[in-house]
Amino acid sequence: MSQFSESEINYLLGERRLARIATADAEGMPHVVPVGWRYEADSGVILVSGRDFAATRKFRNVQANPQASIVIDDLASVDPWKPRGVMVEGRAEAVMGSDGHEGHIRISLDRIVSWGLDG
């Protein structure tokens, strides 16, 4: 399993709270949407959640196809243009909340790609 570098962890623990998650249904139809997220340092996974989350298409997609990717990115500068970000690809797990409505997606770290974080 891949581990985040120090610069990736520093970036993830910064001010960014919006990301885009990519999931696919059982037939492989892709679905990409903005989401709230957080890095869970104890387990080293990314958690994605939201309001009435268990009723969402992304949650159902992960139940049918446990592969997902998430991109957390922003612009360090627009002049000069300096994009930066972290992409995580891995096995996703749809975890039902105790009330049957809330829930979250846990994304394990199979592959990490980052850009623009140093310098």
N, C-alpha and C. Protein backbone atom coordinates (compact mmCIF):
# COMPACT_ATOMS: atom_id res chain seq x y z
N MET A 1 0.84 -1.18 0.00
CA MET A 1 0.00 0.00 0.00
C MET A 1 0.88 1.24 0.00
N SER A 2 0.53 2.21 -0.79
CA SER A 2 1.26 3.47 -0.86
C SER A 2 1.02 4.29 0.38
N GLN A 3 1.95 5.14 0.70
CA GLN A 3 1.83 6.07 1.81
C GLN A 3 2.00 7.49 1.28
N PHE A 4 1.34 8.44 1.91
CA PHE A 4 1.50 9.83 1.53
C PHE A 4 2.88 10.32 1.94
N SER A 5 3.46 11.18 1.10
CA SER A 5 4.72 11.84 1.45
C SER A 5 4.41 12.97 2.44
N GLU A 6 5.43 13.53 3.05
CA GLU A 6 5.25 14.63 3.98
C GLU A 6 4.60 15.83 3.29
N SER A 7 5.02 16.14 2.06
CA SER A 7 4.42 17.29 1.36
C SER A 7 2.96 17.02 1.00
N GLU A 8 2.61 15.78 0.69
CA GLU A 8 1.21 15.44 0.40
C GLU A 8 0.34 15.57 1.65
N ILE A 9 0.84 15.10 2.79
CA ILE A 9 0.08 15.21 4.04
C ILE A 9 -0.11 16.68 4.40
N ASN A 10 0.94 17.47 4.29
CA ASN A 10 0.83 18.90 4.58
C ASN A 10 -0.22 19.56 3.70
N TYR A 11 -0.25 19.19 2.44
CA TYR A 11 -1.24 19.74 1.51
C TYR A 11 -2.65 19.31 1.91
N LEU A 12 -2.83 18.04 2.21
CA LEU A 12 -4.15 17.52 2.58
C LEU A 12 -4.66 18.12 3.88
N LEU A 13 -3.77 18.45 4.79
CA LEU A 13 -4.16 19.03 6.07
C LEU A 13 -4.34 20.54 5.99
N GLY A 14 -4.17 21.12 4.81
CA GLY A 14 -4.33 22.56 4.62
C GLY A 14 -5.79 22.97 4.53
N GLU A 15 -6.06 24.01 3.81
CA GLU A 15 -7.39 24.63 3.76
C GLU A 15 -8.37 23.99 2.77
N ARG A 16 -7.92 23.08 1.95
CA ARG A 16 -8.80 22.51 0.93
C ARG A 16 -9.83 21.57 1.54
N ARG A 17 -11.09 21.79 1.22
CA ARG A 17 -12.16 20.94 1.74
C ARG A 17 -13.06 20.38 0.65
N LEU A 18 -12.84 20.81 -0.59
CA LEU A 18 -13.64 20.34 -1.71
C LEU A 18 -12.76 19.50 -2.63
N ALA A 19 -13.32 18.39 -3.10
CA ALA A 19 -12.60 17.49 -4.00
C ALA A 19 -13.60 16.97 -5.04
N ARG A 20 -13.10 16.18 -5.96
CA ARG A 20 -13.96 15.50 -6.93
C ARG A 20 -13.69 14.01 -6.82
N ILE A 21 -14.78 13.26 -6.69
CA ILE A 21 -14.66 11.80 -6.62
C ILE A 21 -15.18 11.21 -7.92
N ALA A 22 -14.45 10.21 -8.40
CA ALA A 22 -14.87 9.47 -9.59
C ALA A 22 -15.23 8.06 -9.17
N THR A 23 -16.44 7.65 -9.50
CA THR A 23 -16.91 6.29 -9.26
C THR A 23 -17.46 5.76 -10.58
N ALA A 24 -17.77 4.49 -10.61
CA ALA A 24 -18.39 3.89 -11.80
C ALA A 24 -19.41 2.86 -11.33
N ASP A 25 -20.50 2.76 -12.07
CA ASP A 25 -21.52 1.78 -11.70
C ASP A 25 -21.09 0.38 -12.14
N ALA A 26 -21.96 -0.59 -11.93
CA ALA A 26 -21.63 -2.00 -12.24
C ALA A 26 -21.31 -2.21 -13.72
N GLU A 27 -21.88 -1.38 -14.60
CA GLU A 27 -21.63 -1.50 -16.03
C GLU A 27 -20.42 -0.67 -16.48
N GLY A 28 -19.82 0.07 -15.55
CA GLY A 28 -18.64 0.87 -15.89
C GLY A 28 -18.94 2.31 -16.27
N MET A 29 -20.20 2.76 -16.15
CA MET A 29 -20.53 4.14 -16.48
C MET A 29 -19.92 5.06 -15.43
N PRO A 30 -19.03 5.99 -15.86
CA PRO A 30 -18.37 6.86 -14.89
C PRO A 30 -19.29 7.95 -14.35
N HIS A 31 -18.94 8.42 -13.17
CA HIS A 31 -19.70 9.47 -12.48
C HIS A 31 -18.69 10.27 -11.66
N VAL A 32 -18.56 11.57 -11.96
CA VAL A 32 -17.61 12.44 -11.25
C VAL A 32 -18.38 13.60 -10.66
N VAL A 33 -18.21 13.83 -9.34
CA VAL A 33 -18.94 14.89 -8.66
C VAL A 33 -18.08 15.52 -7.57
N PRO A 34 -18.36 16.80 -7.25
CA PRO A 34 -17.66 17.42 -6.13
C PRO A 34 -18.18 16.88 -4.80
N VAL A 35 -17.28 16.76 -3.83
CA VAL A 35 -17.63 16.21 -2.52
C VAL A 35 -16.82 16.87 -1.41
N GLY A 36 -17.32 16.75 -0.21
CA GLY A 36 -16.55 17.07 0.98
C GLY A 36 -15.74 15.85 1.36
N TRP A 37 -14.63 16.05 2.00
CA TRP A 37 -13.74 14.93 2.32
C TRP A 37 -12.89 15.29 3.53
N ARG A 38 -12.20 14.26 4.06
CA ARG A 38 -11.17 14.50 5.06
C ARG A 38 -10.19 13.34 5.05
N TYR A 39 -8.98 13.65 5.45
CA TYR A 39 -7.92 12.65 5.58
C TYR A 39 -7.98 12.09 6.99
N GLU A 40 -8.09 10.78 7.12
CA GLU A 40 -8.10 10.11 8.41
C GLU A 40 -6.69 9.57 8.68
N ALA A 41 -5.92 10.32 9.45
CA ALA A 41 -4.52 9.99 9.67
C ALA A 41 -4.31 8.65 10.36
N ASP A 42 -5.19 8.29 11.28
CA ASP A 42 -5.02 7.03 12.02
C ASP A 42 -5.03 5.81 11.10
N SER A 43 -5.93 5.81 10.13
CA SER A 43 -6.03 4.67 9.23
C SER A 43 -5.39 4.93 7.87
N GLY A 44 -5.02 6.19 7.58
CA GLY A 44 -4.38 6.52 6.31
C GLY A 44 -5.31 6.47 5.11
N VAL A 45 -6.61 6.69 5.31
CA VAL A 45 -7.57 6.66 4.21
C VAL A 45 -8.21 8.03 4.03
N ILE A 46 -8.86 8.21 2.90
CA ILE A 46 -9.64 9.40 2.62
C ILE A 46 -11.11 9.04 2.88
N LEU A 47 -11.80 9.88 3.63
CA LEU A 47 -13.23 9.68 3.90
C LEU A 47 -14.02 10.73 3.14
N VAL A 48 -15.08 10.30 2.47
CA VAL A 48 -15.97 11.18 1.73
C VAL A 48 -17.36 11.03 2.34
N SER A 49 -18.00 12.15 2.64
CA SER A 49 -19.33 12.06 3.24
C SER A 49 -20.15 13.29 2.85
N GLY A 50 -21.38 13.27 3.27
CA GLY A 50 -22.28 14.39 2.99
C GLY A 50 -23.65 14.11 3.56
N ARG A 51 -24.54 15.02 3.28
CA ARG A 51 -25.91 14.93 3.77
C ARG A 51 -26.69 13.84 3.04
N ASP A 52 -27.39 13.00 3.79
CA ASP A 52 -28.15 11.87 3.23
C ASP A 52 -27.31 11.08 2.23
N PHE A 53 -26.07 10.86 2.61
CA PHE A 53 -25.05 10.33 1.71
C PHE A 53 -25.36 8.94 1.18
N ALA A 54 -25.97 8.10 2.00
CA ALA A 54 -26.26 6.72 1.58
C ALA A 54 -27.28 6.66 0.44
N ALA A 55 -27.98 7.75 0.17
CA ALA A 55 -28.97 7.78 -0.91
C ALA A 55 -28.38 8.30 -2.23
N THR A 56 -27.08 8.58 -2.27
CA THR A 56 -26.48 9.18 -3.46
C THR A 56 -26.02 8.14 -4.48
N ARG A 57 -25.92 8.59 -5.71
CA ARG A 57 -25.44 7.72 -6.78
C ARG A 57 -24.01 7.25 -6.52
N LYS A 58 -23.15 8.14 -6.03
CA LYS A 58 -21.76 7.75 -5.77
C LYS A 58 -21.69 6.63 -4.72
N PHE A 59 -22.53 6.69 -3.71
CA PHE A 59 -22.57 5.65 -2.68
C PHE A 59 -23.01 4.33 -3.30
N ARG A 60 -24.09 4.36 -4.10
CA ARG A 60 -24.57 3.14 -4.77
C ARG A 60 -23.52 2.60 -5.74
N ASN A 61 -22.83 3.50 -6.45
CA ASN A 61 -21.79 3.05 -7.38
C ASN A 61 -20.70 2.27 -6.65
N VAL A 62 -20.25 2.77 -5.51
CA VAL A 62 -19.20 2.09 -4.76
C VAL A 62 -19.68 0.74 -4.25
N GLN A 63 -20.96 0.63 -3.92
CA GLN A 63 -21.50 -0.66 -3.51
C GLN A 63 -21.43 -1.67 -4.67
N ALA A 64 -21.61 -1.19 -5.90
CA ALA A 64 -21.62 -2.06 -7.08
C ALA A 64 -20.22 -2.27 -7.67
N ASN A 65 -19.35 -1.28 -7.52
CA ASN A 65 -18.03 -1.31 -8.15
C ASN A 65 -17.06 -0.61 -7.19
N PRO A 66 -16.26 -1.35 -6.45
CA PRO A 66 -15.48 -0.76 -5.35
C PRO A 66 -14.18 -0.06 -5.77
N GLN A 67 -14.10 0.43 -6.97
CA GLN A 67 -12.93 1.21 -7.39
C GLN A 67 -13.32 2.67 -7.47
N ALA A 68 -12.47 3.54 -6.94
CA ALA A 68 -12.76 4.98 -6.97
C ALA A 68 -11.47 5.76 -7.05
N SER A 69 -11.62 7.01 -7.40
CA SER A 69 -10.51 7.94 -7.43
C SER A 69 -11.00 9.27 -6.91
N ILE A 70 -10.12 9.99 -6.22
CA ILE A 70 -10.48 11.31 -5.73
C ILE A 70 -9.32 12.26 -6.03
N VAL A 71 -9.67 13.48 -6.43
CA VAL A 71 -8.68 14.51 -6.71
C VAL A 71 -8.96 15.70 -5.80
N ILE A 72 -7.94 16.09 -5.05
CA ILE A 72 -7.98 17.29 -4.23
C ILE A 72 -6.97 18.24 -4.86
N ASP A 73 -7.40 19.40 -5.35
CA ASP A 73 -6.48 20.28 -6.04
C ASP A 73 -6.88 21.74 -5.90
N ASP A 74 -5.98 22.61 -6.26
CA ASP A 74 -6.23 24.04 -6.28
C ASP A 74 -5.14 24.71 -7.10
N LEU A 75 -5.16 26.03 -7.11
CA LEU A 75 -4.13 26.80 -7.80
C LEU A 75 -3.30 27.54 -6.75
N ALA A 76 -2.00 27.26 -6.73
CA ALA A 76 -1.10 28.00 -5.84
C ALA A 76 -0.96 29.42 -6.33
N SER A 77 -1.07 29.61 -7.65
CA SER A 77 -0.93 30.93 -8.26
C SER A 77 -1.57 30.89 -9.65
N VAL A 78 -2.11 32.02 -10.08
CA VAL A 78 -2.62 32.10 -11.45
C VAL A 78 -1.65 32.85 -12.36
N ASP A 79 -0.70 33.59 -11.78
CA ASP A 79 0.30 34.32 -12.56
C ASP A 79 1.64 34.30 -11.83
N PRO A 80 2.49 33.33 -12.11
CA PRO A 80 2.35 32.32 -13.15
C PRO A 80 1.39 31.19 -12.73
N TRP A 81 0.92 30.49 -13.74
CA TRP A 81 -0.03 29.40 -13.53
C TRP A 81 0.66 28.26 -12.79
N LYS A 82 0.17 27.92 -11.57
CA LYS A 82 0.78 26.85 -10.76
C LYS A 82 -0.29 25.99 -10.12
N PRO A 83 -0.79 24.99 -10.87
CA PRO A 83 -1.74 24.06 -10.26
C PRO A 83 -1.00 23.10 -9.33
N ARG A 84 -1.72 22.61 -8.33
CA ARG A 84 -1.15 21.62 -7.42
C ARG A 84 -2.28 20.71 -6.95
N GLY A 85 -1.91 19.51 -6.58
CA GLY A 85 -2.96 18.61 -6.12
C GLY A 85 -2.45 17.22 -5.78
N VAL A 86 -3.39 16.42 -5.28
CA VAL A 86 -3.15 15.02 -4.94
C VAL A 86 -4.31 14.20 -5.49
N MET A 87 -3.98 13.13 -6.19
CA MET A 87 -4.98 12.19 -6.67
C MET A 87 -4.74 10.85 -6.00
N VAL A 88 -5.81 10.26 -5.49
CA VAL A 88 -5.74 8.94 -4.86
C VAL A 88 -6.63 8.00 -5.65
N GLU A 89 -6.10 6.86 -6.01
CA GLU A 89 -6.88 5.80 -6.63
C GLU A 89 -6.84 4.61 -5.68
N GLY A 90 -7.96 3.92 -5.55
CA GLY A 90 -7.94 2.77 -4.67
C GLY A 90 -9.27 2.09 -4.52
N ARG A 91 -9.28 1.16 -3.62
CA ARG A 91 -10.49 0.41 -3.30
C ARG A 91 -11.36 1.26 -2.39
N ALA A 92 -12.62 1.37 -2.75
CA ALA A 92 -13.56 2.17 -1.97
C ALA A 92 -14.55 1.26 -1.27
N GLU A 93 -14.97 1.71 -0.11
CA GLU A 93 -15.95 0.96 0.68
C GLU A 93 -17.08 1.91 1.07
N ALA A 94 -18.31 1.52 0.75
CA ALA A 94 -19.49 2.29 1.14
C ALA A 94 -19.91 1.82 2.53
N VAL A 95 -19.80 2.70 3.51
CA VAL A 95 -20.11 2.36 4.89
C VAL A 95 -21.43 3.02 5.28
N MET A 96 -22.43 2.20 5.60
CA MET A 96 -23.74 2.70 5.98
C MET A 96 -23.70 3.30 7.37
N GLY A 97 -24.39 4.41 7.55
CA GLY A 97 -24.48 5.03 8.87
C GLY A 97 -25.44 4.25 9.76
N SER A 98 -25.35 4.48 11.04
CA SER A 98 -26.18 3.74 11.99
C SER A 98 -27.67 4.04 11.81
N ASP A 99 -28.00 5.21 11.24
CA ASP A 99 -29.40 5.57 11.03
C ASP A 99 -29.94 5.09 9.69
N GLY A 100 -29.09 4.47 8.86
CA GLY A 100 -29.52 3.97 7.56
C GLY A 100 -29.54 5.02 6.46
N HIS A 101 -29.28 6.28 6.79
CA HIS A 101 -29.29 7.34 5.79
C HIS A 101 -27.91 7.97 5.61
N GLU A 102 -27.33 8.37 6.71
CA GLU A 102 -25.98 8.92 6.62
C GLU A 102 -25.04 7.78 6.30
N GLY A 103 -23.85 8.10 5.99
CA GLY A 103 -22.85 7.09 5.68
C GLY A 103 -21.64 7.80 5.10
N HIS A 104 -20.67 7.00 4.66
CA HIS A 104 -19.50 7.60 4.04
C HIS A 104 -18.83 6.58 3.14
N ILE A 105 -17.90 7.07 2.35
CA ILE A 105 -17.07 6.22 1.50
C ILE A 105 -15.64 6.33 2.02
N ARG A 106 -15.02 5.19 2.21
CA ARG A 106 -13.61 5.12 2.61
C ARG A 106 -12.80 4.70 1.39
N ILE A 107 -11.79 5.48 1.04
CA ILE A 107 -10.94 5.15 -0.11
C ILE A 107 -9.55 4.78 0.41
N SER A 108 -9.16 3.52 0.18
CA SER A 108 -7.83 3.06 0.54
C SER A 108 -6.83 3.54 -0.50
N LEU A 109 -5.57 3.60 -0.13
CA LEU A 109 -4.54 4.17 -0.99
C LEU A 109 -3.81 3.09 -1.78
N ASP A 110 -4.25 2.85 -3.01
CA ASP A 110 -3.52 1.93 -3.88
C ASP A 110 -2.48 2.67 -4.70
N ARG A 111 -2.84 3.89 -5.14
CA ARG A 111 -1.94 4.69 -5.97
C ARG A 111 -2.15 6.16 -5.63
N ILE A 112 -1.05 6.88 -5.45
CA ILE A 112 -1.10 8.31 -5.16
C ILE A 112 -0.26 9.04 -6.20
N VAL A 113 -0.83 10.09 -6.79
CA VAL A 113 -0.11 10.95 -7.72
C VAL A 113 -0.29 12.37 -7.22
N SER A 114 0.80 13.12 -7.15
CA SER A 114 0.70 14.51 -6.73
C SER A 114 1.51 15.39 -7.68
N TRP A 115 1.18 16.67 -7.69
CA TRP A 115 1.90 17.62 -8.55
C TRP A 115 1.89 19.01 -7.91
N GLY A 116 2.94 19.75 -8.18
CA GLY A 116 3.02 21.15 -7.77
C GLY A 116 3.14 21.39 -6.28
N LEU A 117 3.47 20.40 -5.48
CA LEU A 117 3.50 20.59 -4.03
C LEU A 117 4.82 21.10 -3.51
N ASP A 118 5.90 20.86 -4.21
CA ASP A 118 7.22 21.29 -3.76
C ASP A 118 7.65 22.54 -4.53
N GLY A 119 8.29 23.44 -3.82
CA GLY A 119 8.87 24.61 -4.48
C GLY A 119 7.97 25.78 -4.59
